[in-house]
Each structure stands twice: as structure tokens, then as C-alpha cells.
């Protein structure tokens, strides 16, 4: 048999770029919107990097009401507070944050497949 270059697929880590030094993910000027695959067709949308002056619970309440989905605010030791929403809500969340005047459009980074 001949030697073949076979690449085996590995698990995708949506927060891998947050740990990179030059990605700009550690800075507080960007809001990162990511999607995490759960099981089957289920997924989570995470929003990270909002300013501390905003009430995460009020933003979450408006997002849940607007998009008819459930969600929660999770306290992460490295990333701070992270908003989690059910489903793929990346585009909806980005347009909501821009229209509400919370973040400028050029300060949003959308990650995912």
C-alpha cells in the first residue's frame, strides 16, 4: 500500500480564536457573536464582549422577546458575562444590537461555520 495523507476531522472549538493573542478577541472593543453546535440540529448562539455598563439581563429579555427563543446569562471566569440564546440567532442579534444603538456595525464580529 502507498502512504496517503489522510486528515482526520477534529472537533471544532468556537472559542479557539478568543484564546489567540493577535485575534483582537481579548480586547473589549469587539462584540463576538458565535454559534456552538449542540446535538443534532440544535445549536447555541453566544454573545460576548458587551460593555459592562449595559444590563445583560435587560438585553437578554429583549432578545428573547424579539426572537421567540430562550436564553440565559452565563458567568465565565475567563470571558466574563456571556449571553447564550437557543438556535442560530447570529444575524438577528447583530442587527438588533446595531438598531438598538448598543454597538456599531464595525465593532461586531460574527463567527461560525
PDB file of N, CA and C in Angstrom:
ATOM      1  N   UNK A   1       0.820  -1.179   0.000  1.00  0.00           N
ATOM      2  CA  UNK A   1       0.000   0.000   0.000  1.00  0.00           C
ATOM      3  C   UNK A   1       0.868   1.248   0.000  1.00  0.00           C
ATOM      4  N   UNK A   2       0.319   2.316  -0.511  1.00  0.00           N
ATOM      5  CA  UNK A   2       1.058   3.572  -0.566  1.00  0.00           C
ATOM      6  C   UNK A   2       0.692   4.441   0.628  1.00  0.00           C
ATOM      7  N   UNK A   3       1.589   5.370   0.926  1.00  0.00           N
ATOM      8  CA  UNK A   3       1.324   6.295   2.030  1.00  0.00           C
ATOM      9  C   UNK A   3       0.407   7.405   1.545  1.00  0.00           C
ATOM     10  N   UNK A   4      -0.709   7.556   2.210  1.00  0.00           N
ATOM     11  CA  UNK A   4      -1.684   8.582   1.859  1.00  0.00           C
ATOM     12  C   UNK A   4      -1.725   9.632   2.960  1.00  0.00           C
ATOM     13  N   UNK A   5      -1.894  10.866   2.544  1.00  0.00           N
ATOM     14  CA  UNK A   5      -2.076  11.933   3.522  1.00  0.00           C
ATOM     15  C   UNK A   5      -3.558  12.021   3.854  1.00  0.00           C
ATOM     16  N   UNK A   6      -3.912  11.444   4.958  1.00  0.00           N
ATOM     17  CA  UNK A   6      -5.304  11.444   5.383  1.00  0.00           C
ATOM     18  C   UNK A   6      -5.435  12.354   6.592  1.00  0.00           C
ATOM     19  N   UNK A   7      -6.335  13.301   6.485  1.00  0.00           N
ATOM     20  CA  UNK A   7      -6.579  14.196   7.605  1.00  0.00           C
ATOM     21  C   UNK A   7      -7.863  13.765   8.292  1.00  0.00           C
ATOM     22  N   UNK A   8      -7.757  13.472   9.549  1.00  0.00           N
ATOM     23  CA  UNK A   8      -8.944  13.093  10.298  1.00  0.00           C
ATOM     24  C   UNK A   8      -9.603  14.353  10.843  1.00  0.00           C
ATOM     25  N   UNK A   9     -10.906  14.423  10.782  1.00  0.00           N
ATOM     26  CA  UNK A   9     -11.584  15.610  11.285  1.00  0.00           C
ATOM     27  C   UNK A   9     -11.473  15.688  12.804  1.00  0.00           C
ATOM     28  N   UNK A  10     -11.320  16.904  13.294  1.00  0.00           N
ATOM     29  CA  UNK A  10     -11.226  17.123  14.728  1.00  0.00           C
ATOM     30  C   UNK A  10     -12.409  17.959  15.175  1.00  0.00           C
ATOM     31  N   UNK A  11     -12.610  18.016  16.443  1.00  0.00           N
ATOM     32  CA  UNK A  11     -13.724  18.794  16.996  1.00  0.00           C
ATOM     33  C   UNK A  11     -13.449  20.283  16.798  1.00  0.00           C
ATOM     34  N   UNK A  12     -14.490  21.012  16.435  1.00  0.00           N
ATOM     35  CA  UNK A  12     -14.361  22.444  16.208  1.00  0.00           C
ATOM     36  C   UNK A  12     -14.552  23.187  17.528  1.00  0.00           C
ATOM     37  N   UNK A  13     -13.618  24.045  17.864  1.00  0.00           N
ATOM     38  CA  UNK A  13     -13.702  24.845  19.084  1.00  0.00           C
ATOM     39  C   UNK A  13     -14.061  26.269  18.704  1.00  0.00           C
ATOM     40  N   UNK A  14     -15.292  26.732  18.993  1.00  0.00           N
ATOM     41  CA  UNK A  14     -15.692  28.071  18.573  1.00  0.00           C
ATOM     42  C   UNK A  14     -14.963  29.181  19.332  1.00  0.00           C
ATOM     43  N   UNK A  15     -14.374  28.870  20.480  1.00  0.00           N
ATOM     44  CA  UNK A  15     -13.662  29.884  21.254  1.00  0.00           C
ATOM     45  C   UNK A  15     -12.152  29.820  21.047  1.00  0.00           C
ATOM     46  N   UNK A  16     -11.701  29.064  20.051  1.00  0.00           N
ATOM     47  CA  UNK A  16     -10.273  28.935  19.817  1.00  0.00           C
ATOM     48  C   UNK A  16      -9.652  30.271  19.436  1.00  0.00           C
ATOM     49  N   UNK A  17     -10.365  31.076  18.637  1.00  0.00           N
ATOM     50  CA  UNK A  17      -9.811  32.366  18.244  1.00  0.00           C
ATOM     51  C   UNK A  17      -9.848  33.364  19.393  1.00  0.00           C
ATOM     52  N   UNK A  18     -10.641  33.131  20.419  1.00  0.00           N
ATOM     53  CA  UNK A  18     -10.660  34.017  21.582  1.00  0.00           C
ATOM     54  C   UNK A  18      -9.384  33.843  22.396  1.00  0.00           C
ATOM     55  N   UNK A  19      -8.777  32.671  22.303  1.00  0.00           N
ATOM     56  CA  UNK A  19      -7.555  32.416  23.039  1.00  0.00           C
ATOM     57  C   UNK A  19      -6.319  32.873  22.276  1.00  0.00           C
ATOM     58  N   UNK A  20      -6.441  33.148  20.992  1.00  0.00           N
ATOM     59  CA  UNK A  20      -5.302  33.610  20.199  1.00  0.00           C
ATOM     60  C   UNK A  20      -4.952  35.039  20.587  1.00  0.00           C
ATOM     61  N   UNK A  21      -3.669  35.345  20.593  1.00  0.00           N
ATOM     62  CA  UNK A  21      -3.227  36.664  21.042  1.00  0.00           C
ATOM     63  C   UNK A  21      -3.526  37.757  20.031  1.00  0.00           C
ATOM     64  N   UNK A  22      -3.373  37.484  18.748  1.00  0.00           N
ATOM     65  CA  UNK A  22      -3.492  38.538  17.738  1.00  0.00           C
ATOM     66  C   UNK A  22      -4.875  38.618  17.114  1.00  0.00           C
ATOM     67  N   UNK A  23      -5.858  37.921  17.651  1.00  0.00           N
ATOM     68  CA  UNK A  23      -7.178  37.923  17.028  1.00  0.00           C
ATOM     69  C   UNK A  23      -7.987  39.152  17.398  1.00  0.00           C
ATOM     70  N   UNK A  24      -7.596  39.861  18.443  1.00  0.00           N
ATOM     71  CA  UNK A  24      -8.371  41.006  18.882  1.00  0.00           C
ATOM     72  C   UNK A  24      -9.554  40.597  19.732  1.00  0.00           C
ATOM     73  N   UNK A  25      -9.659  39.313  20.038  1.00  0.00           N
ATOM     74  CA  UNK A  25     -10.804  38.829  20.800  1.00  0.00           C
ATOM     75  C   UNK A  25     -10.703  39.215  22.269  1.00  0.00           C
ATOM     76  N   UNK A  26      -9.498  39.416  22.762  1.00  0.00           N
ATOM     77  CA  UNK A  26      -9.332  39.765  24.156  1.00  0.00           C
ATOM     78  C   UNK A  26      -9.660  41.220  24.438  1.00  0.00           C
ATOM     79  N   UNK A  27      -9.679  42.040  23.420  1.00  0.00           N
ATOM     80  CA  UNK A  27      -9.976  43.444  23.630  1.00  0.00           C
ATOM     81  C   UNK A  27     -11.465  43.640  23.812  1.00  0.00           C
ATOM     82  N   UNK A  28     -11.829  44.675  24.525  1.00  0.00           N
ATOM     83  CA  UNK A  28     -13.234  44.907  24.835  1.00  0.00           C
ATOM     84  C   UNK A  28     -13.931  45.736  23.763  1.00  0.00           C
ATOM     85  N   UNK A  29     -13.253  46.072  22.678  1.00  0.00           N
ATOM     86  CA  UNK A  29     -13.891  46.913  21.679  1.00  0.00           C
ATOM     87  C   UNK A  29     -14.737  46.120  20.694  1.00  0.00           C
ATOM     88  N   UNK A  30     -14.582  44.816  20.642  1.00  0.00           N
ATOM     89  CA  UNK A  30     -15.361  43.992  19.730  1.00  0.00           C
ATOM     90  C   UNK A  30     -16.402  43.185  20.485  1.00  0.00           C
ATOM     91  N   UNK A  31     -17.543  42.994  19.840  1.00  0.00           N
ATOM     92  CA  UNK A  31     -18.566  42.091  20.353  1.00  0.00           C
ATOM     93  C   UNK A  31     -18.532  40.862  19.455  1.00  0.00           C
ATOM     94  N   UNK A  32     -18.330  39.706  20.065  1.00  0.00           N
ATOM     95  CA  UNK A  32     -18.202  38.462  19.316  1.00  0.00           C
ATOM     96  C   UNK A  32     -19.497  37.674  19.421  1.00  0.00           C
ATOM     97  N   UNK A  33     -20.044  37.308  18.267  1.00  0.00           N
ATOM     98  CA  UNK A  33     -21.256  36.509  18.201  1.00  0.00           C
ATOM     99  C   UNK A  33     -20.871  35.173  17.581  1.00  0.00           C
ATOM    100  N   UNK A  34     -21.054  34.104  18.354  1.00  0.00           N
ATOM    101  CA  UNK A  34     -20.627  32.778  17.909  1.00  0.00           C
ATOM    102  C   UNK A  34     -21.791  31.804  17.943  1.00  0.00           C
ATOM    103  N   UNK A  35     -21.609  30.713  17.229  1.00  0.00           N
ATOM    104  CA  UNK A  35     -22.570  29.613  17.268  1.00  0.00           C
ATOM    105  C   UNK A  35     -21.834  28.375  17.740  1.00  0.00           C
ATOM    106  N   UNK A  36     -22.491  27.627  18.613  1.00  0.00           N
ATOM    107  CA  UNK A  36     -21.950  26.364  19.100  1.00  0.00           C
ATOM    108  C   UNK A  36     -22.940  25.268  18.756  1.00  0.00           C
ATOM    109  N   UNK A  37     -22.443  24.194  18.186  1.00  0.00           N
ATOM    110  CA  UNK A  37     -23.297  23.065  17.843  1.00  0.00           C
ATOM    111  C   UNK A  37     -23.522  22.216  19.087  1.00  0.00           C
ATOM    112  N   UNK A  38     -24.770  21.898  19.356  1.00  0.00           N
ATOM    113  CA  UNK A  38     -25.073  21.001  20.471  1.00  0.00           C
ATOM    114  C   UNK A  38     -25.196  19.594  19.919  1.00  0.00           C
ATOM    115  N   UNK A  39     -26.352  19.021  19.917  1.00  0.00           N
ATOM    116  CA  UNK A  39     -26.516  17.676  19.363  1.00  0.00           C
ATOM    117  C   UNK A  39     -27.570  17.708  18.273  1.00  0.00           C
ATOM    118  N   UNK A  40     -27.277  17.020  17.193  1.00  0.00           N
ATOM    119  CA  UNK A  40     -28.193  17.002  16.055  1.00  0.00           C
ATOM    120  C   UNK A  40     -28.264  18.364  15.395  1.00  0.00           C
ATOM    121  N   UNK A  41     -29.464  18.897  15.254  1.00  0.00           N
ATOM    122  CA  UNK A  41     -29.651  20.209  14.622  1.00  0.00           C
ATOM    123  C   UNK A  41     -29.722  21.330  15.644  1.00  0.00           C
ATOM    124  N   UNK A  42     -29.520  21.022  16.902  1.00  0.00           N
ATOM    125  CA  UNK A  42     -29.622  22.016  17.963  1.00  0.00           C
ATOM    126  C   UNK A  42     -28.331  22.827  18.055  1.00  0.00           C
ATOM    127  N   UNK A  43     -28.478  24.125  18.332  1.00  0.00           N
ATOM    128  CA  UNK A  43     -27.294  24.972  18.441  1.00  0.00           C
ATOM    129  C   UNK A  43     -27.542  26.081  19.453  1.00  0.00           C
ATOM    130  N   UNK A  44     -26.452  26.710  19.878  1.00  0.00           N
ATOM    131  CA  UNK A  44     -26.473  27.842  20.797  1.00  0.00           C
ATOM    132  C   UNK A  44     -25.806  29.031  20.128  1.00  0.00           C
ATOM    133  N   UNK A  45     -26.332  30.211  20.365  1.00  0.00           N
ATOM    134  CA  UNK A  45     -25.682  31.442  19.928  1.00  0.00           C
ATOM    135  C   UNK A  45     -25.164  32.148  21.164  1.00  0.00           C
ATOM    136  N   UNK A  46     -23.875  32.516  21.171  1.00  0.00           N
ATOM    137  CA  UNK A  46     -23.292  33.202  22.315  1.00  0.00           C
ATOM    138  C   UNK A  46     -22.876  34.604  21.912  1.00  0.00           C
ATOM    139  N   UNK A  47     -23.101  35.562  22.806  1.00  0.00           N
ATOM    140  CA  UNK A  47     -22.731  36.960  22.598  1.00  0.00           C
ATOM    141  C   UNK A  47     -21.767  37.332  23.711  1.00  0.00           C
ATOM    142  N   UNK A  48     -20.569  37.767  23.321  1.00  0.00           N
ATOM    143  CA  UNK A  48     -19.521  38.065  24.288  1.00  0.00           C
ATOM    144  C   UNK A  48     -18.914  39.416  23.956  1.00  0.00           C
ATOM    145  N   UNK A  49     -18.551  40.173  24.986  1.00  0.00           N
ATOM    146  CA  UNK A  49     -17.797  41.397  24.780  1.00  0.00           C
ATOM    147  C   UNK A  49     -18.612  42.669  24.870  1.00  0.00           C
ATOM    148  N   UNK A  50     -19.843  42.602  25.341  1.00  0.00           N
ATOM    149  CA  UNK A  50     -20.615  43.828  25.535  1.00  0.00           C
ATOM    150  C   UNK A  50     -20.002  44.620  26.685  1.00  0.00           C
ATOM    151  N   UNK A  51     -20.192  45.920  26.677  1.00  0.00           N
ATOM    152  CA  UNK A  51     -19.631  46.760  27.731  1.00  0.00           C
ATOM    153  C   UNK A  51     -20.306  46.459  29.062  1.00  0.00           C
ATOM    154  N   UNK A  52     -19.570  46.680  30.137  1.00  0.00           N
ATOM    155  CA  UNK A  52     -20.072  46.386  31.479  1.00  0.00           C
ATOM    156  C   UNK A  52     -21.213  47.312  31.882  1.00  0.00           C
ATOM    157  N   UNK A  53     -21.297  48.486  31.251  1.00  0.00           N
ATOM    158  CA  UNK A  53     -22.317  49.458  31.645  1.00  0.00           C
ATOM    159  C   UNK A  53     -23.726  49.032  31.241  1.00  0.00           C
ATOM    160  N   UNK A  54     -23.835  48.090  30.300  1.00  0.00           N
ATOM    161  CA  UNK A  54     -25.138  47.610  29.871  1.00  0.00           C
ATOM    162  C   UNK A  54     -25.615  46.502  30.793  1.00  0.00           C
ATOM    163  N   UNK A  55     -26.922  46.442  31.001  1.00  0.00           N
ATOM    164  CA  UNK A  55     -27.509  45.381  31.798  1.00  0.00           C
ATOM    165  C   UNK A  55     -27.734  44.167  30.900  1.00  0.00           C
ATOM    166  N   UNK A  56     -26.985  43.111  31.164  1.00  0.00           N
ATOM    167  CA  UNK A  56     -27.077  41.908  30.345  1.00  0.00           C
ATOM    168  C   UNK A  56     -28.466  41.289  30.446  1.00  0.00           C
ATOM    169  N   UNK A  57     -29.065  41.358  31.624  1.00  0.00           N
ATOM    170  CA  UNK A  57     -30.385  40.741  31.801  1.00  0.00           C
ATOM    171  C   UNK A  57     -31.459  41.481  31.008  1.00  0.00           C
ATOM    172  N   UNK A  58     -31.382  42.795  30.919  1.00  0.00           N
ATOM    173  CA  UNK A  58     -32.365  43.552  30.138  1.00  0.00           C
ATOM    174  C   UNK A  58     -32.187  43.293  28.643  1.00  0.00           C
ATOM    175  N   UNK A  59     -30.945  43.232  28.194  1.00  0.00           N
ATOM    176  CA  UNK A  59     -30.681  42.924  26.779  1.00  0.00           C
ATOM    177  C   UNK A  59     -31.191  41.526  26.460  1.00  0.00           C
ATOM    178  N   UNK A  60     -30.934  40.577  27.361  1.00  0.00           N
ATOM    179  CA  UNK A  60     -31.394  39.205  27.157  1.00  0.00           C
ATOM    180  C   UNK A  60     -32.915  39.137  27.101  1.00  0.00           C
ATOM    181  N   UNK A  61     -33.573  39.877  27.963  1.00  0.00           N
ATOM    182  CA  UNK A  61     -35.034  39.883  27.977  1.00  0.00           C
ATOM    183  C   UNK A  61     -35.583  40.386  26.648  1.00  0.00           C
ATOM    184  N   UNK A  62     -34.989  41.458  26.106  1.00  0.00           N
ATOM    185  CA  UNK A  62     -35.435  41.991  24.819  1.00  0.00           C
ATOM    186  C   UNK A  62     -35.138  41.020  23.676  1.00  0.00           C
ATOM    187  N   UNK A  63     -33.974  40.379  23.710  1.00  0.00           N
ATOM    188  CA  UNK A  63     -33.619  39.412  22.667  1.00  0.00           C
ATOM    189  C   UNK A  63     -34.571  38.226  22.677  1.00  0.00           C
ATOM    190  N   UNK A  64     -34.887  37.719  23.861  1.00  0.00           N
ATOM    191  CA  UNK A  64     -35.790  36.577  23.966  1.00  0.00           C
ATOM    192  C   UNK A  64     -37.184  36.922  23.449  1.00  0.00           C
ATOM    193  N   UNK A  65     -37.639  38.121  23.774  1.00  0.00           N
ATOM    194  CA  UNK A  65     -38.975  38.527  23.339  1.00  0.00           C
ATOM    195  C   UNK A  65     -39.007  38.768  21.828  1.00  0.00           C
ATOM    196  N   UNK A  66     -37.947  39.358  21.289  1.00  0.00           N
ATOM    197  CA  UNK A  66     -37.892  39.702  19.869  1.00  0.00           C
ATOM    198  C   UNK A  66     -37.801  38.465  18.981  1.00  0.00           C
ATOM    199  N   UNK A  67     -36.998  37.477  19.391  1.00  0.00           N
ATOM    200  CA  UNK A  67     -36.715  36.333  18.525  1.00  0.00           C
ATOM    201  C   UNK A  67     -37.459  35.066  18.933  1.00  0.00           C
ATOM    202  N   UNK A  68     -38.312  35.135  19.947  1.00  0.00           N
ATOM    203  CA  UNK A  68     -39.103  33.985  20.400  1.00  0.00           C
ATOM    204  C   UNK A  68     -38.214  32.769  20.681  1.00  0.00           C
ATOM    205  N   UNK A  69     -37.203  32.975  21.514  1.00  0.00           N
ATOM    206  CA  UNK A  69     -36.309  31.885  21.887  1.00  0.00           C
ATOM    207  C   UNK A  69     -35.986  32.024  23.372  1.00  0.00           C
ATOM    208  N   UNK A  70     -35.373  31.021  23.928  1.00  0.00           N
ATOM    209  CA  UNK A  70     -34.977  31.065  25.322  1.00  0.00           C
ATOM    210  C   UNK A  70     -33.496  31.392  25.406  1.00  0.00           C
ATOM    211  N   UNK A  71     -33.046  31.829  26.579  1.00  0.00           N
ATOM    212  CA  UNK A  71     -31.646  32.166  26.747  1.00  0.00           C
ATOM    213  C   UNK A  71     -31.297  32.387  28.197  1.00  0.00           C
ATOM    214  N   UNK A  72     -30.005  32.605  28.433  1.00  0.00           N
ATOM    215  CA  UNK A  72     -29.513  32.820  29.785  1.00  0.00           C
ATOM    216  C   UNK A  72     -28.225  33.637  29.736  1.00  0.00           C
ATOM    217  N   UNK A  73     -27.854  34.196  30.888  1.00  0.00           N
ATOM    218  CA  UNK A  73     -26.580  34.889  31.039  1.00  0.00           C
ATOM    219  C   UNK A  73     -25.684  33.988  31.871  1.00  0.00           C
ATOM    220  N   UNK A  74     -24.509  33.651  31.334  1.00  0.00           N
ATOM    221  CA  UNK A  74     -23.578  32.745  31.993  1.00  0.00           C
ATOM    222  C   UNK A  74     -22.349  33.544  32.414  1.00  0.00           C
ATOM    223  N   UNK A  75     -21.888  33.324  33.635  1.00  0.00           N
ATOM    224  CA  UNK A  75     -20.667  33.968  34.121  1.00  0.00           C
ATOM    225  C   UNK A  75     -19.499  33.026  33.865  1.00  0.00           C
ATOM    226  N   UNK A  76     -18.576  33.434  33.006  1.00  0.00           N
ATOM    227  CA  UNK A  76     -17.404  32.636  32.677  1.00  0.00           C
ATOM    228  C   UNK A  76     -16.194  33.273  33.348  1.00  0.00           C
ATOM    229  N   UNK A  77     -15.312  32.487  33.972  1.00  0.00           N
ATOM    230  CA  UNK A  77     -14.165  33.093  34.667  1.00  0.00           C
ATOM    231  C   UNK A  77     -13.195  33.830  33.736  1.00  0.00           C
ATOM    232  N   UNK A  78     -13.025  33.355  32.505  1.00  0.00           N
ATOM    233  CA  UNK A  78     -12.086  33.995  31.581  1.00  0.00           C
ATOM    234  C   UNK A  78     -12.748  35.064  30.724  1.00  0.00           C
ATOM    235  N   UNK A  79     -13.965  34.801  30.246  1.00  0.00           N
ATOM    236  CA  UNK A  79     -14.607  35.681  29.277  1.00  0.00           C
ATOM    237  C   UNK A  79     -15.546  36.696  29.916  1.00  0.00           C
ATOM    238  N   UNK A  80     -15.844  36.561  31.188  1.00  0.00           N
ATOM    239  CA  UNK A  80     -16.800  37.456  31.829  1.00  0.00           C
ATOM    240  C   UNK A  80     -18.212  36.967  31.587  1.00  0.00           C
ATOM    241  N   UNK A  81     -19.156  37.900  31.467  1.00  0.00           N
ATOM    242  CA  UNK A  81     -20.535  37.507  31.240  1.00  0.00           C
ATOM    243  C   UNK A  81     -20.766  37.237  29.757  1.00  0.00           C
ATOM    244  N   UNK A  82     -21.469  36.144  29.472  1.00  0.00           N
ATOM    245  CA  UNK A  82     -21.763  35.723  28.113  1.00  0.00           C
ATOM    246  C   UNK A  82     -23.259  35.459  28.022  1.00  0.00           C
ATOM    247  N   UNK A  83     -23.899  36.003  26.985  1.00  0.00           N
ATOM    248  CA  UNK A  83     -25.314  35.744  26.743  1.00  0.00           C
ATOM    249  C   UNK A  83     -25.426  34.530  25.832  1.00  0.00           C
ATOM    250  N   UNK A  84     -26.255  33.566  26.220  1.00  0.00           N
ATOM    251  CA  UNK A  84     -26.495  32.378  25.408  1.00  0.00           C
ATOM    252  C   UNK A  84     -27.951  32.370  24.973  1.00  0.00           C
ATOM    253  N   UNK A  85     -28.177  32.127  23.685  1.00  0.00           N
ATOM    254  CA  UNK A  85     -29.532  32.037  23.133  1.00  0.00           C
ATOM    255  C   UNK A  85     -29.686  30.703  22.412  1.00  0.00           C
ATOM    256  N   UNK A  86     -30.898  30.180  22.403  1.00  0.00           N
ATOM    257  CA  UNK A  86     -31.156  28.939  21.687  1.00  0.00           C
ATOM    258  C   UNK A  86     -31.271  29.213  20.203  1.00  0.00           C
ATOM    259  N   UNK A  87     -30.719  28.321  19.402  1.00  0.00           N
ATOM    260  CA  UNK A  87     -30.841  28.420  17.951  1.00  0.00           C
ATOM    261  C   UNK A  87     -29.754  29.279  17.331  1.00  0.00           C
ATOM    262  N   UNK A  88     -29.790  29.364  16.019  1.00  0.00           N
ATOM    263  CA  UNK A  88     -28.832  30.163  15.256  1.00  0.00           C
ATOM    264  C   UNK A  88     -29.415  31.577  15.117  1.00  0.00           C
ATOM    265  N   UNK A  89     -29.014  32.473  15.984  1.00  0.00           N
ATOM    266  CA  UNK A  89     -29.537  33.833  16.020  1.00  0.00           C
ATOM    267  C   UNK A  89     -28.455  34.861  15.696  1.00  0.00           C
ATOM    268  N   UNK A  90     -27.400  34.464  14.989  1.00  0.00           N
ATOM    269  CA  UNK A  90     -26.255  35.358  14.770  1.00  0.00           C
ATOM    270  C   UNK A  90     -26.648  36.630  14.035  1.00  0.00           C
ATOM    271  N   UNK A  91     -27.322  36.509  12.911  1.00  0.00           N
ATOM    272  CA  UNK A  91     -27.686  37.694  12.130  1.00  0.00           C
ATOM    273  C   UNK A  91     -28.744  38.521  12.845  1.00  0.00           C
ATOM    274  N   UNK A  92     -29.689  37.855  13.501  1.00  0.00           N
ATOM    275  CA  UNK A  92     -30.717  38.573  14.235  1.00  0.00           C
ATOM    276  C   UNK A  92     -30.119  39.401  15.363  1.00  0.00           C
ATOM    277  N   UNK A  93     -29.182  38.817  16.114  1.00  0.00           N
ATOM    278  CA  UNK A  93     -28.573  39.521  17.237  1.00  0.00           C
ATOM    279  C   UNK A  93     -27.744  40.697  16.750  1.00  0.00           C
ATOM    280  N   UNK A  94     -26.997  40.504  15.667  1.00  0.00           N
ATOM    281  CA  UNK A  94     -26.161  41.607  15.173  1.00  0.00           C
ATOM    282  C   UNK A  94     -27.013  42.781  14.703  1.00  0.00           C
ATOM    283  N   UNK A  95     -28.102  42.524  13.988  1.00  0.00           N
ATOM    284  CA  UNK A  95     -28.956  43.630  13.557  1.00  0.00           C
ATOM    285  C   UNK A  95     -29.664  44.276  14.746  1.00  0.00           C
ATOM    286  N   UNK A  96     -30.037  43.490  15.746  1.00  0.00           N
ATOM    287  CA  UNK A  96     -30.682  44.040  16.933  1.00  0.00           C
ATOM    288  C   UNK A  96     -29.737  44.969  17.685  1.00  0.00           C
ATOM    289  N   UNK A  97     -28.483  44.544  17.871  1.00  0.00           N
ATOM    290  CA  UNK A  97     -27.527  45.366  18.615  1.00  0.00           C
ATOM    291  C   UNK A  97     -27.217  46.671  17.900  1.00  0.00           C
ATOM    292  N   UNK A  98     -27.185  46.634  16.568  1.00  0.00           N
ATOM    293  CA  UNK A  98     -26.917  47.859  15.795  1.00  0.00           C
ATOM    294  C   UNK A  98     -28.122  48.792  15.838  1.00  0.00           C
ATOM    295  N   UNK A  99     -29.322  48.247  15.646  1.00  0.00           N
ATOM    296  CA  UNK A  99     -30.525  49.078  15.639  1.00  0.00           C
ATOM    297  C   UNK A  99     -30.820  49.674  17.012  1.00  0.00           C
ATOM    298  N   UNK A 100     -30.472  48.957  18.080  1.00  0.00           N
ATOM    299  CA  UNK A 100     -30.707  49.464  19.428  1.00  0.00           C
ATOM    300  C   UNK A 100     -29.652  50.482  19.836  1.00  0.00           C
ATOM    301  N   UNK A 101     -28.595  50.614  19.054  1.00  0.00           N
ATOM    302  CA  UNK A 101     -27.549  51.579  19.363  1.00  0.00           C
ATOM    303  C   UNK A 101     -26.584  51.110  20.431  1.00  0.00           C
ATOM    304  N   UNK A 102     -26.537  49.818  20.686  1.00  0.00           N
ATOM    305  CA  UNK A 102     -25.643  49.281  21.706  1.00  0.00           C
ATOM    306  C   UNK A 102     -24.219  49.189  21.173  1.00  0.00           C
ATOM    307  N   UNK A 103     -24.080  48.756  19.912  1.00  0.00           N
ATOM    308  CA  UNK A 103     -22.770  48.564  19.299  1.00  0.00           C
ATOM    309  C   UNK A 103     -22.817  49.086  17.874  1.00  0.00           C
ATOM    310  N   UNK A 104     -21.684  49.599  17.390  1.00  0.00           N
ATOM    311  CA  UNK A 104     -21.587  49.983  15.987  1.00  0.00           C
ATOM    312  C   UNK A 104     -21.363  48.729  15.147  1.00  0.00           C
ATOM    313  N   UNK A 105     -21.751  48.815  13.882  1.00  0.00           N
ATOM    314  CA  UNK A 105     -21.679  47.647  12.997  1.00  0.00           C
ATOM    315  C   UNK A 105     -20.246  47.162  12.791  1.00  0.00           C
ATOM    316  N   UNK A 106     -19.281  48.073  12.746  1.00  0.00           N
ATOM    317  CA  UNK A 106     -17.901  47.648  12.507  1.00  0.00           C
ATOM    318  C   UNK A 106     -17.223  47.086  13.755  1.00  0.00           C
ATOM    319  N   UNK A 107     -17.908  47.087  14.898  1.00  0.00           N
ATOM    320  CA  UNK A 107     -17.362  46.508  16.124  1.00  0.00           C
ATOM    321  C   UNK A 107     -17.959  45.140  16.431  1.00  0.00           C
ATOM    322  N   UNK A 108     -18.659  44.551  15.467  1.00  0.00           N
ATOM    323  CA  UNK A 108     -19.252  43.226  15.645  1.00  0.00           C
ATOM    324  C   UNK A 108     -18.510  42.229  14.776  1.00  0.00           C
ATOM    325  N   UNK A 109     -18.131  41.103  15.388  1.00  0.00           N
ATOM    326  CA  UNK A 109     -17.510  40.012  14.651  1.00  0.00           C
ATOM    327  C   UNK A 109     -18.386  38.776  14.809  1.00  0.00           C
ATOM    328  N   UNK A 110     -18.798  38.221  13.668  1.00  0.00           N
ATOM    329  CA  UNK A 110     -19.644  37.038  13.669  1.00  0.00           C
ATOM    330  C   UNK A 110     -18.787  35.836  13.311  1.00  0.00           C
ATOM    331  N   UNK A 111     -18.809  34.829  14.177  1.00  0.00           N
ATOM    332  CA  UNK A 111     -18.031  33.622  13.964  1.00  0.00           C
ATOM    333  C   UNK A 111     -18.984  32.453  13.742  1.00  0.00           C
ATOM    334  N   UNK A 112     -18.501  31.424  13.106  1.00  0.00           N
ATOM    335  CA  UNK A 112     -19.317  30.226  12.912  1.00  0.00           C
ATOM    336  C   UNK A 112     -18.903  29.460  11.692  1.00  0.00           C
ATOM    337  N   UNK A 113     -19.736  28.500  11.327  1.00  0.00           N
ATOM    338  CA  UNK A 113     -19.381  27.677  10.186  1.00  0.00           C
ATOM    339  C   UNK A 113     -19.486  28.508   8.995  1.00  0.00           C
TER     340      UNK A 113
END
